[in-house]
Amino acid sequence: MTIRSLQHALAEFAAEREWEQFHTAKNLATALAGETGELLELFQWLTPEESATVLNDPQSAAQVREEIPDVFAYLLRMADVLGIDLEQALVEKIDINGRKYPADRARGRADKYTQLGD
């Protein structure tokens, strides 16, 4: 499936339930934040090592696999409602970040682009 076909499937799902009235940018942003919080909660007290192997535990894996699509669905729906072409927006953002974080200055560093120097 493509991003566009997923957005179409989500739009049909909402239309069949007459939920379009609730799918405003604000409501979708709020729902996205809520679902992101639910995903974050699964990692909240894990060590870096535990978080790297979270899918090794069947119960944790099931929870993560349930929350990630929720986040993705709300993001796709919000972009669709706002008329944002996610593929094009991401291509543009990669280009912008490439200029902000040149590989020769950013390699191996977690600093914000304003701290990389010239």
PDB file of N, CA and C in Angstrom:
ATOM      1  N   MET A   1       0.841  -1.191   0.000  1.00  0.00           N
ATOM      2  CA  MET A   1       0.000   0.000   0.000  1.00  0.00           C
ATOM      3  C   MET A   1       0.881   1.248   0.000  1.00  0.00           C
ATOM      4  N   THR A   2       0.349   2.286  -0.551  1.00  0.00           N
ATOM      5  CA  THR A   2       1.045   3.563  -0.559  1.00  0.00           C
ATOM      6  C   THR A   2       0.512   4.439   0.568  1.00  0.00           C
ATOM      7  N   ILE A   3       1.220   5.511   0.844  1.00  0.00           N
ATOM      8  CA  ILE A   3       0.748   6.470   1.844  1.00  0.00           C
ATOM      9  C   ILE A   3      -0.630   6.990   1.431  1.00  0.00           C
ATOM     10  N   ARG A   4      -0.776   7.326   0.168  1.00  0.00           N
ATOM     11  CA  ARG A   4      -2.053   7.861  -0.309  1.00  0.00           C
ATOM     12  C   ARG A   4      -3.181   6.844  -0.134  1.00  0.00           C
ATOM     13  N   SER A   5      -2.910   5.570  -0.440  1.00  0.00           N
ATOM     14  CA  SER A   5      -3.964   4.557  -0.289  1.00  0.00           C
ATOM     15  C   SER A   5      -4.310   4.327   1.182  1.00  0.00           C
ATOM     16  N   LEU A   6      -3.327   4.434   2.064  1.00  0.00           N
ATOM     17  CA  LEU A   6      -3.598   4.335   3.499  1.00  0.00           C
ATOM     18  C   LEU A   6      -4.459   5.505   3.965  1.00  0.00           C
ATOM     19  N   GLN A   7      -4.142   6.703   3.471  1.00  0.00           N
ATOM     20  CA  GLN A   7      -4.948   7.868   3.828  1.00  0.00           C
ATOM     21  C   GLN A   7      -6.378   7.701   3.324  1.00  0.00           C
ATOM     22  N   HIS A   8      -6.525   7.172   2.126  1.00  0.00           N
ATOM     23  CA  HIS A   8      -7.854   6.941   1.570  1.00  0.00           C
ATOM     24  C   HIS A   8      -8.619   5.931   2.435  1.00  0.00           C
ATOM     25  N   ALA A   9      -7.967   4.865   2.848  1.00  0.00           N
ATOM     26  CA  ALA A   9      -8.606   3.857   3.696  1.00  0.00           C
ATOM     27  C   ALA A   9      -9.043   4.465   5.031  1.00  0.00           C
ATOM     28  N   LEU A  10      -8.199   5.318   5.610  1.00  0.00           N
ATOM     29  CA  LEU A  10      -8.557   5.978   6.869  1.00  0.00           C
ATOM     30  C   LEU A  10      -9.711   6.956   6.675  1.00  0.00           C
ATOM     31  N   ALA A  11      -9.718   7.667   5.559  1.00  0.00           N
ATOM     32  CA  ALA A  11     -10.809   8.606   5.270  1.00  0.00           C
ATOM     33  C   ALA A  11     -12.126   7.841   5.093  1.00  0.00           C
ATOM     34  N   GLU A  12     -12.079   6.714   4.407  1.00  0.00           N
ATOM     35  CA  GLU A  12     -13.287   5.894   4.249  1.00  0.00           C
ATOM     36  C   GLU A  12     -13.767   5.360   5.590  1.00  0.00           C
ATOM     37  N   PHE A  13     -12.840   4.922   6.408  1.00  0.00           N
ATOM     38  CA  PHE A  13     -13.169   4.417   7.743  1.00  0.00           C
ATOM     39  C   PHE A  13     -13.890   5.503   8.542  1.00  0.00           C
ATOM     40  N   ALA A  14     -13.356   6.720   8.503  1.00  0.00           N
ATOM     41  CA  ALA A  14     -13.985   7.835   9.221  1.00  0.00           C
ATOM     42  C   ALA A  14     -15.342   8.175   8.620  1.00  0.00           C
ATOM     43  N   ALA A  15     -15.437   8.195   7.298  1.00  0.00           N
ATOM     44  CA  ALA A  15     -16.693   8.551   6.629  1.00  0.00           C
ATOM     45  C   ALA A  15     -17.796   7.550   6.953  1.00  0.00           C
ATOM     46  N   GLU A  16     -17.464   6.275   6.968  1.00  0.00           N
ATOM     47  CA  GLU A  16     -18.460   5.247   7.272  1.00  0.00           C
ATOM     48  C   GLU A  16     -19.057   5.429   8.665  1.00  0.00           C
ATOM     49  N   ARG A  17     -18.329   6.056   9.546  1.00  0.00           N
ATOM     50  CA  ARG A  17     -18.772   6.273  10.922  1.00  0.00           C
ATOM     51  C   ARG A  17     -19.227   7.709  11.177  1.00  0.00           C
ATOM     52  N   GLU A  18     -19.195   8.520  10.110  1.00  0.00           N
ATOM     53  CA  GLU A  18     -19.523   9.950  10.195  1.00  0.00           C
ATOM     54  C   GLU A  18     -18.659  10.661  11.232  1.00  0.00           C
ATOM     55  N   TRP A  19     -17.374  10.349  11.197  1.00  0.00           N
ATOM     56  CA  TRP A  19     -16.417  10.947  12.130  1.00  0.00           C
ATOM     57  C   TRP A  19     -15.683  12.149  11.548  1.00  0.00           C
ATOM     58  N   GLU A  20     -15.927  12.467  10.273  1.00  0.00           N
ATOM     59  CA  GLU A  20     -15.206  13.604   9.683  1.00  0.00           C
ATOM     60  C   GLU A  20     -15.399  14.868  10.510  1.00  0.00           C
ATOM     61  N   GLN A  21     -16.589  15.026  11.091  1.00  0.00           N
ATOM     62  CA  GLN A  21     -16.888  16.209  11.895  1.00  0.00           C
ATOM     63  C   GLN A  21     -15.942  16.353  13.082  1.00  0.00           C
ATOM     64  N   PHE A  22     -15.385  15.254  13.534  1.00  0.00           N
ATOM     65  CA  PHE A  22     -14.475  15.281  14.681  1.00  0.00           C
ATOM     66  C   PHE A  22     -13.014  15.392  14.248  1.00  0.00           C
ATOM     67  N   HIS A  23     -12.740  15.146  12.974  1.00  0.00           N
ATOM     68  CA  HIS A  23     -11.366  15.110  12.495  1.00  0.00           C
ATOM     69  C   HIS A  23     -10.883  16.490  12.047  1.00  0.00           C
ATOM     70  N   THR A  24     -10.898  17.402  12.993  1.00  0.00           N
ATOM     71  CA  THR A  24     -10.329  18.721  12.753  1.00  0.00           C
ATOM     72  C   THR A  24      -8.831  18.644  13.028  1.00  0.00           C
ATOM     73  N   ALA A  25      -8.104  19.609  12.543  1.00  0.00           N
ATOM     74  CA  ALA A  25      -6.651  19.620  12.771  1.00  0.00           C
ATOM     75  C   ALA A  25      -6.340  19.582  14.269  1.00  0.00           C
ATOM     76  N   LYS A  26      -7.061  20.374  15.049  1.00  0.00           N
ATOM     77  CA  LYS A  26      -6.817  20.409  16.497  1.00  0.00           C
ATOM     78  C   LYS A  26      -7.099  19.056  17.135  1.00  0.00           C
ATOM     79  N   ASN A  27      -8.228  18.456  16.797  1.00  0.00           N
ATOM     80  CA  ASN A  27      -8.572  17.170  17.400  1.00  0.00           C
ATOM     81  C   ASN A  27      -7.598  16.074  16.990  1.00  0.00           C
ATOM     82  N   LEU A  28      -7.189  16.094  15.744  1.00  0.00           N
ATOM     83  CA  LEU A  28      -6.234  15.083  15.284  1.00  0.00           C
ATOM     84  C   LEU A  28      -4.862  15.288  15.904  1.00  0.00           C
ATOM     85  N   ALA A  29      -4.450  16.543  16.075  1.00  0.00           N
ATOM     86  CA  ALA A  29      -3.174  16.815  16.744  1.00  0.00           C
ATOM     87  C   ALA A  29      -3.220  16.348  18.192  1.00  0.00           C
ATOM     88  N   THR A  30      -4.349  16.577  18.845  1.00  0.00           N
ATOM     89  CA  THR A  30      -4.512  16.138  20.235  1.00  0.00           C
ATOM     90  C   THR A  30      -4.478  14.614  20.317  1.00  0.00           C
ATOM     91  N   ALA A  31      -5.192  13.952  19.419  1.00  0.00           N
ATOM     92  CA  ALA A  31      -5.206  12.491  19.397  1.00  0.00           C
ATOM     93  C   ALA A  31      -3.808  11.941  19.105  1.00  0.00           C
ATOM     94  N   LEU A  32      -3.101  12.581  18.190  1.00  0.00           N
ATOM     95  CA  LEU A  32      -1.734  12.167  17.863  1.00  0.00           C
ATOM     96  C   LEU A  32      -0.832  12.277  19.087  1.00  0.00           C
ATOM     97  N   ALA A  33      -0.947  13.385  19.809  1.00  0.00           N
ATOM     98  CA  ALA A  33      -0.145  13.560  21.024  1.00  0.00           C
ATOM     99  C   ALA A  33      -0.504  12.505  22.071  1.00  0.00           C
ATOM    100  N   GLY A  34      -1.783  12.203  22.199  1.00  0.00           N
ATOM    101  CA  GLY A  34      -2.208  11.192  23.155  1.00  0.00           C
ATOM    102  C   GLY A  34      -1.647   9.823  22.828  1.00  0.00           C
ATOM    103  N   GLU A  35      -1.733   9.447  21.567  1.00  0.00           N
ATOM    104  CA  GLU A  35      -1.213   8.139  21.151  1.00  0.00           C
ATOM    105  C   GLU A  35       0.311   8.083  21.268  1.00  0.00           C
ATOM    106  N   THR A  36       0.961   9.191  20.971  1.00  0.00           N
ATOM    107  CA  THR A  36       2.420   9.246  21.134  1.00  0.00           C
ATOM    108  C   THR A  36       2.778   9.074  22.603  1.00  0.00           C
ATOM    109  N   GLY A  37       1.982   9.679  23.478  1.00  0.00           N
ATOM    110  CA  GLY A  37       2.186   9.515  24.920  1.00  0.00           C
ATOM    111  C   GLY A  37       2.026   8.067  25.349  1.00  0.00           C
ATOM    112  N   GLU A  38       1.044   7.374  24.775  1.00  0.00           N
ATOM    113  CA  GLU A  38       0.849   5.960  25.107  1.00  0.00           C
ATOM    114  C   GLU A  38       2.043   5.120  24.659  1.00  0.00           C
ATOM    115  N   LEU A  39       2.601   5.443  23.507  1.00  0.00           N
ATOM    116  CA  LEU A  39       3.805   4.749  23.040  1.00  0.00           C
ATOM    117  C   LEU A  39       4.985   5.069  23.953  1.00  0.00           C
ATOM    118  N   LEU A  40       5.133   6.325  24.287  1.00  0.00           N
ATOM    119  CA  LEU A  40       6.228   6.753  25.161  1.00  0.00           C
ATOM    120  C   LEU A  40       6.160   6.067  26.521  1.00  0.00           C
ATOM    121  N   GLU A  41       4.951   5.893  27.022  1.00  0.00           N
ATOM    122  CA  GLU A  41       4.769   5.257  28.330  1.00  0.00           C
ATOM    123  C   GLU A  41       5.363   3.848  28.363  1.00  0.00           C
ATOM    124  N   LEU A  42       5.318   3.153  27.242  1.00  0.00           N
ATOM    125  CA  LEU A  42       5.864   1.799  27.178  1.00  0.00           C
ATOM    126  C   LEU A  42       7.381   1.776  27.358  1.00  0.00           C
ATOM    127  N   PHE A  43       8.035   2.902  27.079  1.00  0.00           N
ATOM    128  CA  PHE A  43       9.500   2.995  27.169  1.00  0.00           C
ATOM    129  C   PHE A  43       9.963   3.805  28.379  1.00  0.00           C
ATOM    130  N   GLN A  44       9.019   4.379  29.109  1.00  0.00           N
ATOM    131  CA  GLN A  44       9.319   5.392  30.124  1.00  0.00           C
ATOM    132  C   GLN A  44      10.415   5.001  31.109  1.00  0.00           C
ATOM    133  N   TRP A  45      10.369   3.852  31.694  1.00  0.00           N
ATOM    134  CA  TRP A  45      11.333   3.510  32.736  1.00  0.00           C
ATOM    135  C   TRP A  45      12.341   2.463  32.291  1.00  0.00           C
ATOM    136  N   LEU A  46      12.416   2.227  31.000  1.00  0.00           N
ATOM    137  CA  LEU A  46      13.371   1.247  30.497  1.00  0.00           C
ATOM    138  C   LEU A  46      14.761   1.856  30.385  1.00  0.00           C
ATOM    139  N   THR A  47      15.758   1.039  30.593  1.00  0.00           N
ATOM    140  CA  THR A  47      17.130   1.468  30.331  1.00  0.00           C
ATOM    141  C   THR A  47      17.319   1.499  28.811  1.00  0.00           C
ATOM    142  N   PRO A  48      18.379   2.152  28.339  1.00  0.00           N
ATOM    143  CA  PRO A  48      18.643   2.102  26.894  1.00  0.00           C
ATOM    144  C   PRO A  48      18.753   0.670  26.370  1.00  0.00           C
ATOM    145  N   GLU A  49      19.359  -0.205  27.159  1.00  0.00           N
ATOM    146  CA  GLU A  49      19.514  -1.600  26.743  1.00  0.00           C
ATOM    147  C   GLU A  49      18.153  -2.300  26.665  1.00  0.00           C
ATOM    148  N   GLU A  50      17.295  -2.065  27.663  1.00  0.00           N
ATOM    149  CA  GLU A  50      15.969  -2.675  27.669  1.00  0.00           C
ATOM    150  C   GLU A  50      15.116  -2.161  26.504  1.00  0.00           C
ATOM    151  N   SER A  51      15.247  -0.871  26.216  1.00  0.00           N
ATOM    152  CA  SER A  51      14.445  -0.308  25.127  1.00  0.00           C
ATOM    153  C   SER A  51      14.871  -0.877  23.774  1.00  0.00           C
ATOM    154  N   ALA A  52      16.144  -1.203  23.646  1.00  0.00           N
ATOM    155  CA  ALA A  52      16.641  -1.764  22.380  1.00  0.00           C
ATOM    156  C   ALA A  52      16.124  -3.178  22.143  1.00  0.00           C
ATOM    157  N   THR A  53      15.725  -3.856  23.213  1.00  0.00           N
ATOM    158  CA  THR A  53      15.263  -5.246  23.081  1.00  0.00           C
ATOM    159  C   THR A  53      13.791  -5.394  23.475  1.00  0.00           C
ATOM    160  N   VAL A  54      13.045  -4.310  23.454  1.00  0.00           N
ATOM    161  CA  VAL A  54      11.654  -4.333  23.909  1.00  0.00           C
ATOM    162  C   VAL A  54      10.804  -5.337  23.134  1.00  0.00           C
ATOM    163  N   LEU A  55      11.128  -5.586  21.890  1.00  0.00           N
ATOM    164  CA  LEU A  55      10.337  -6.519  21.092  1.00  0.00           C
ATOM    165  C   LEU A  55      10.633  -7.980  21.411  1.00  0.00           C
ATOM    166  N   ASN A  56      11.633  -8.223  22.250  1.00  0.00           N
ATOM    167  CA  ASN A  56      11.947  -9.598  22.646  1.00  0.00           C
ATOM    168  C   ASN A  56      10.920 -10.158  23.628  1.00  0.00           C
ATOM    169  N   ASP A  57      10.241  -9.281  24.351  1.00  0.00           N
ATOM    170  CA  ASP A  57       9.209  -9.695  25.291  1.00  0.00           C
ATOM    171  C   ASP A  57       7.868  -9.688  24.564  1.00  0.00           C
ATOM    172  N   PRO A  58       7.181 -10.819  24.478  1.00  0.00           N
ATOM    173  CA  PRO A  58       5.946 -10.888  23.694  1.00  0.00           C
ATOM    174  C   PRO A  58       4.872  -9.875  24.122  1.00  0.00           C
ATOM    175  N   GLN A  59       4.702  -9.655  25.412  1.00  0.00           N
ATOM    176  CA  GLN A  59       3.679  -8.706  25.870  1.00  0.00           C
ATOM    177  C   GLN A  59       4.054  -7.278  25.484  1.00  0.00           C
ATOM    178  N   SER A  60       5.298  -6.896  25.725  1.00  0.00           N
ATOM    179  CA  SER A  60       5.753  -5.555  25.346  1.00  0.00           C
ATOM    180  C   SER A  60       5.708  -5.372  23.843  1.00  0.00           C
ATOM    181  N   ALA A  61       6.107  -6.390  23.107  1.00  0.00           N
ATOM    182  CA  ALA A  61       6.092  -6.318  21.644  1.00  0.00           C
ATOM    183  C   ALA A  61       4.677  -6.076  21.139  1.00  0.00           C
ATOM    184  N   ALA A  62       3.706  -6.778  21.710  1.00  0.00           N
ATOM    185  CA  ALA A  62       2.315  -6.605  21.290  1.00  0.00           C
ATOM    186  C   ALA A  62       1.839  -5.185  21.569  1.00  0.00           C
ATOM    187  N   GLN A  63       2.210  -4.636  22.718  1.00  0.00           N
ATOM    188  CA  GLN A  63       1.801  -3.272  23.061  1.00  0.00           C
ATOM    189  C   GLN A  63       2.431  -2.245  22.121  1.00  0.00           C
ATOM    190  N   VAL A  64       3.714  -2.403  21.837  1.00  0.00           N
ATOM    191  CA  VAL A  64       4.402  -1.475  20.929  1.00  0.00           C
ATOM    192  C   VAL A  64       3.792  -1.572  19.536  1.00  0.00           C
ATOM    193  N   ARG A  65       3.536  -2.807  19.080  1.00  0.00           N
ATOM    194  CA  ARG A  65       2.945  -3.001  17.754  1.00  0.00           C
ATOM    195  C   ARG A  65       1.523  -2.465  17.670  1.00  0.00           C
ATOM    196  N   GLU A  66       0.870  -2.284  18.809  1.00  0.00           N
ATOM    197  CA  GLU A  66      -0.473  -1.712  18.819  1.00  0.00           C
ATOM    198  C   GLU A  66      -0.420  -0.182  18.816  1.00  0.00           C
ATOM    199  N   GLU A  67       0.543   0.396  19.496  1.00  0.00           N
ATOM    200  CA  GLU A  67       0.610   1.855  19.626  1.00  0.00           C
ATOM    201  C   GLU A  67       1.221   2.538  18.397  1.00  0.00           C
ATOM    202  N   ILE A  68       2.232   1.951  17.803  1.00  0.00           N
ATOM    203  CA  ILE A  68       2.878   2.593  16.651  1.00  0.00           C
ATOM    204  C   ILE A  68       1.890   2.828  15.500  1.00  0.00           C
ATOM    205  N   PRO A  69       1.056   1.859  15.143  1.00  0.00           N
ATOM    206  CA  PRO A  69       0.088   2.147  14.076  1.00  0.00           C
ATOM    207  C   PRO A  69      -0.924   3.225  14.453  1.00  0.00           C
ATOM    208  N   ASP A  70      -1.262   3.330  15.748  1.00  0.00           N
ATOM    209  CA  ASP A  70      -2.154   4.412  16.174  1.00  0.00           C
ATOM    210  C   ASP A  70      -1.522   5.767  15.886  1.00  0.00           C
ATOM    211  N   VAL A  71      -0.251   5.906  16.226  1.00  0.00           N
ATOM    212  CA  VAL A  71       0.473   7.158  15.965  1.00  0.00           C
ATOM    213  C   VAL A  71       0.502   7.431  14.462  1.00  0.00           C
ATOM    214  N   PHE A  72       0.840   6.416  13.699  1.00  0.00           N
ATOM    215  CA  PHE A  72       0.933   6.549  12.247  1.00  0.00           C
ATOM    216  C   PHE A  72      -0.421   6.927  11.639  1.00  0.00           C
ATOM    217  N   ALA A  73      -1.481   6.289  12.112  1.00  0.00           N
ATOM    218  CA  ALA A  73      -2.815   6.556  11.570  1.00  0.00           C
ATOM    219  C   ALA A  73      -3.235   8.002  11.811  1.00  0.00           C
ATOM    220  N   TYR A  74      -3.023   8.495  13.008  1.00  0.00           N
ATOM    221  CA  TYR A  74      -3.402   9.883  13.282  1.00  0.00           C
ATOM    222  C   TYR A  74      -2.545  10.862  12.489  1.00  0.00           C
ATOM    223  N   LEU A  75      -1.263  10.548  12.319  1.00  0.00           N
ATOM    224  CA  LEU A  75      -0.398  11.411  11.515  1.00  0.00           C
ATOM    225  C   LEU A  75      -0.865  11.437  10.057  1.00  0.00           C
ATOM    226  N   LEU A  76      -1.149  10.268   9.514  1.00  0.00           N
ATOM    227  CA  LEU A  76      -1.647  10.195   8.135  1.00  0.00           C
ATOM    228  C   LEU A  76      -2.959  10.948   7.978  1.00  0.00           C
ATOM    229  N   ARG A  77      -3.861  10.751   8.926  1.00  0.00           N
ATOM    230  CA  ARG A  77      -5.172  11.402   8.851  1.00  0.00           C
ATOM    231  C   ARG A  77      -5.039  12.919   8.946  1.00  0.00           C
ATOM    232  N   MET A  78      -4.189  13.384   9.839  1.00  0.00           N
ATOM    233  CA  MET A  78      -3.999  14.829  10.007  1.00  0.00           C
ATOM    234  C   MET A  78      -3.421  15.446   8.735  1.00  0.00           C
ATOM    235  N   ALA A  79      -2.420  14.814   8.166  1.00  0.00           N
ATOM    236  CA  ALA A  79      -1.831  15.321   6.924  1.00  0.00           C
ATOM    237  C   ALA A  79      -2.870  15.357   5.811  1.00  0.00           C
ATOM    238  N   ASP A  80      -3.708  14.335   5.739  1.00  0.00           N
ATOM    239  CA  ASP A  80      -4.748  14.284   4.714  1.00  0.00           C
ATOM    240  C   ASP A  80      -5.760  15.405   4.909  1.00  0.00           C
ATOM    241  N   VAL A  81      -6.215  15.593   6.126  1.00  0.00           N
ATOM    242  CA  VAL A  81      -7.196  16.645   6.422  1.00  0.00           C
ATOM    243  C   VAL A  81      -6.632  18.029   6.100  1.00  0.00           C
ATOM    244  N   LEU A  82      -5.342  18.219   6.360  1.00  0.00           N
ATOM    245  CA  LEU A  82      -4.706  19.517   6.099  1.00  0.00           C
ATOM    246  C   LEU A  82      -4.225  19.665   4.658  1.00  0.00           C
ATOM    247  N   GLY A  83      -4.290  18.581   3.885  1.00  0.00           N
ATOM    248  CA  GLY A  83      -3.850  18.657   2.494  1.00  0.00           C
ATOM    249  C   GLY A  83      -2.338  18.667   2.336  1.00  0.00           C
ATOM    250  N   ILE A  84      -1.639  18.040   3.257  1.00  0.00           N
ATOM    251  CA  ILE A  84      -0.175  17.978   3.190  1.00  0.00           C
ATOM    252  C   ILE A  84       0.242  16.677   2.507  1.00  0.00           C
ATOM    253  N   ASP A  85       1.050  16.799   1.482  1.00  0.00           N
ATOM    254  CA  ASP A  85       1.618  15.634   0.811  1.00  0.00           C
ATOM    255  C   ASP A  85       2.811  15.185   1.652  1.00  0.00           C
ATOM    256  N   LEU A  86       2.601  14.144   2.444  1.00  0.00           N
ATOM    257  CA  LEU A  86       3.634  13.702   3.382  1.00  0.00           C
ATOM    258  C   LEU A  86       4.928  13.295   2.692  1.00  0.00           C
ATOM    259  N   GLU A  87       4.823  12.624   1.574  1.00  0.00           N
ATOM    260  CA  GLU A  87       6.035  12.194   0.874  1.00  0.00           C
ATOM    261  C   GLU A  87       6.863  13.401   0.442  1.00  0.00           C
ATOM    262  N   GLN A  88       6.220  14.381  -0.164  1.00  0.00           N
ATOM    263  CA  GLN A  88       6.926  15.580  -0.611  1.00  0.00           C
ATOM    264  C   GLN A  88       7.459  16.375   0.578  1.00  0.00           C
ATOM    265  N   ALA A  89       6.646  16.485   1.631  1.00  0.00           N
ATOM    266  CA  ALA A  89       7.066  17.228   2.819  1.00  0.00           C
ATOM    267  C   ALA A  89       8.302  16.584   3.444  1.00  0.00           C
ATOM    268  N   LEU A  90       8.347  15.260   3.472  1.00  0.00           N
ATOM    269  CA  LEU A  90       9.503  14.577   4.056  1.00  0.00           C
ATOM    270  C   LEU A  90      10.743  14.735   3.184  1.00  0.00           C
ATOM    271  N   VAL A  91      10.579  14.646   1.885  1.00  0.00           N
ATOM    272  CA  VAL A  91      11.709  14.874   0.979  1.00  0.00           C
ATOM    273  C   VAL A  91      12.290  16.269   1.208  1.00  0.00           C
ATOM    274  N   GLU A  92      11.405  17.258   1.302  1.00  0.00           N
ATOM    275  CA  GLU A  92      11.859  18.639   1.546  1.00  0.00           C
ATOM    276  C   GLU A  92      12.548  18.761   2.900  1.00  0.00           C
ATOM    277  N   LYS A  93      12.006  18.093   3.923  1.00  0.00           N
ATOM    278  CA  LYS A  93      12.589  18.174   5.261  1.00  0.00           C
ATOM    279  C   LYS A  93      13.961  17.510   5.317  1.00  0.00           C
ATOM    280  N   ILE A  94      14.127  16.407   4.619  1.00  0.00           N
ATOM    281  CA  ILE A  94      15.442  15.758   4.553  1.00  0.00           C
ATOM    282  C   ILE A  94      16.458  16.709   3.939  1.00  0.00           C
ATOM    283  N   ASP A  95      16.066  17.424   2.891  1.00  0.00           N
ATOM    284  CA  ASP A  95      16.947  18.396   2.255  1.00  0.00           C
ATOM    285  C   ASP A  95      17.302  19.529   3.223  1.00  0.00           C
ATOM    286  N   ILE A  96      16.306  20.053   3.907  1.00  0.00           N
ATOM    287  CA  ILE A  96      16.535  21.130   4.887  1.00  0.00           C
ATOM    288  C   ILE A  96      17.491  20.649   5.978  1.00  0.00           C
ATOM    289  N   ASN A  97      17.228  19.450   6.518  1.00  0.00           N
ATOM    290  CA  ASN A  97      18.094  18.930   7.584  1.00  0.00           C
ATOM    291  C   ASN A  97      19.496  18.631   7.081  1.00  0.00           C
ATOM    292  N   GLY A  98      19.620  18.254   5.815  1.00  0.00           N
ATOM    293  CA  GLY A  98      20.948  18.034   5.235  1.00  0.00           C
ATOM    294  C   GLY A  98      21.772  19.307   5.228  1.00  0.00           C
ATOM    295  N   ARG A  99      21.103  20.437   4.989  1.00  0.00           N
ATOM    296  CA  ARG A  99      21.809  21.722   5.021  1.00  0.00           C
ATOM    297  C   ARG A  99      22.107  22.159   6.456  1.00  0.00           C
ATOM    298  N   LYS A 100      21.185  21.880   7.381  1.00  0.00           N
ATOM    299  CA  LYS A 100      21.389  22.250   8.784  1.00  0.00           C
ATOM    300  C   LYS A 100      22.455  21.387   9.453  1.00  0.00           C
ATOM    301  N   TYR A 101      22.492  20.131   9.052  1.00  0.00           N
ATOM    302  CA  TYR A 101      23.389  19.165   9.681  1.00  0.00           C
ATOM    303  C   TYR A 101      24.305  18.526   8.640  1.00  0.00           C
ATOM    304  N   PRO A 102      25.262  19.286   8.120  1.00  0.00           N
ATOM    305  CA  PRO A 102      26.185  18.699   7.144  1.00  0.00           C
ATOM    306  C   PRO A 102      26.922  17.515   7.771  1.00  0.00           C
ATOM    307  N   ALA A 103      27.044  16.442   7.025  1.00  0.00           N
ATOM    308  CA  ALA A 103      27.638  15.216   7.556  1.00  0.00           C
ATOM    309  C   ALA A 103      29.027  15.445   8.131  1.00  0.00           C
ATOM    310  N   ASP A 104      29.824  16.296   7.496  1.00  0.00           N
ATOM    311  CA  ASP A 104      31.195  16.494   7.975  1.00  0.00           C
ATOM    312  C   ASP A 104      31.245  17.186   9.335  1.00  0.00           C
ATOM    313  N   ARG A 105      30.188  17.922   9.705  1.00  0.00           N
ATOM    314  CA  ARG A 105      30.172  18.602  11.010  1.00  0.00           C
ATOM    315  C   ARG A 105      29.272  17.912  12.029  1.00  0.00           C
ATOM    316  N   ALA A 106      28.292  17.158  11.570  1.00  0.00           N
ATOM    317  CA  ALA A 106      27.321  16.554  12.482  1.00  0.00           C
ATOM    318  C   ALA A 106      27.615  15.087  12.805  1.00  0.00           C
ATOM    319  N   ARG A 107      28.494  14.468  12.051  1.00  0.00           N
ATOM    320  CA  ARG A 107      28.774  13.038  12.219  1.00  0.00           C
ATOM    321  C   ARG A 107      29.137  12.719  13.668  1.00  0.00           C
ATOM    322  N   GLY A 108      28.364  11.807  14.263  1.00  0.00           N
ATOM    323  CA  GLY A 108      28.650  11.338  15.611  1.00  0.00           C
ATOM    324  C   GLY A 108      28.285  12.311  16.710  1.00  0.00           C
ATOM    325  N   ARG A 109      27.599  13.384  16.371  1.00  0.00           N
ATOM    326  CA  ARG A 109      27.247  14.407  17.362  1.00  0.00           C
ATOM    327  C   ARG A 109      25.736  14.529  17.485  1.00  0.00           C
ATOM    328  N   ALA A 110      25.284  14.790  18.701  1.00  0.00           N
ATOM    329  CA  ALA A 110      23.852  14.977  18.952  1.00  0.00           C
ATOM    330  C   ALA A 110      23.508  16.444  19.184  1.00  0.00           C
ATOM    331  N   ASP A 111      24.426  17.330  18.852  1.00  0.00           N
ATOM    332  CA  ASP A 111      24.217  18.755  19.068  1.00  0.00           C
ATOM    333  C   ASP A 111      23.178  19.315  18.102  1.00  0.00           C
ATOM    334  N   LYS A 112      22.472  20.361  18.562  1.00  0.00           N
ATOM    335  CA  LYS A 112      21.581  21.092  17.674  1.00  0.00           C
ATOM    336  C   LYS A 112      22.417  21.777  16.616  1.00  0.00           C
ATOM    337  N   TYR A 113      21.836  21.999  15.437  1.00  0.00           N
ATOM    338  CA  TYR A 113      22.570  22.565  14.308  1.00  0.00           C
ATOM    339  C   TYR A 113      23.217  23.904  14.653  1.00  0.00           C
ATOM    340  N   THR A 114      22.625  24.667  15.564  1.00  0.00           N
ATOM    341  CA  THR A 114      23.190  25.967  15.933  1.00  0.00           C
ATOM    342  C   THR A 114      24.482  25.819  16.738  1.00  0.00           C
ATOM    343  N   GLN A 115      24.771  24.618  17.213  1.00  0.00           N
ATOM    344  CA  GLN A 115      25.968  24.365  18.010  1.00  0.00           C
ATOM    345  C   GLN A 115      27.081  23.672  17.228  1.00  0.00           C
ATOM    346  N   LEU A 116      26.879  23.440  15.949  1.00  0.00           N
ATOM    347  CA  LEU A 116      27.867  22.692  15.164  1.00  0.00           C
ATOM    348  C   LEU A 116      29.046  23.548  14.728  1.00  0.00           C
ATOM    349  N   GLY A 117      28.881  24.849  14.682  1.00  0.00           N
ATOM    350  CA  GLY A 117      29.960  25.722  14.239  1.00  0.00           C
ATOM    351  C   GLY A 117      30.157  25.635  12.741  1.00  0.00           C
ATOM    352  N   ASP A 118      31.074  26.450  12.249  1.00  0.00           N
ATOM    353  CA  ASP A 118      31.348  26.498  10.805  1.00  0.00           C
ATOM    354  C   ASP A 118      32.531  25.662  10.422  1.00  0.00           C
TER     355      ASP A 118
END
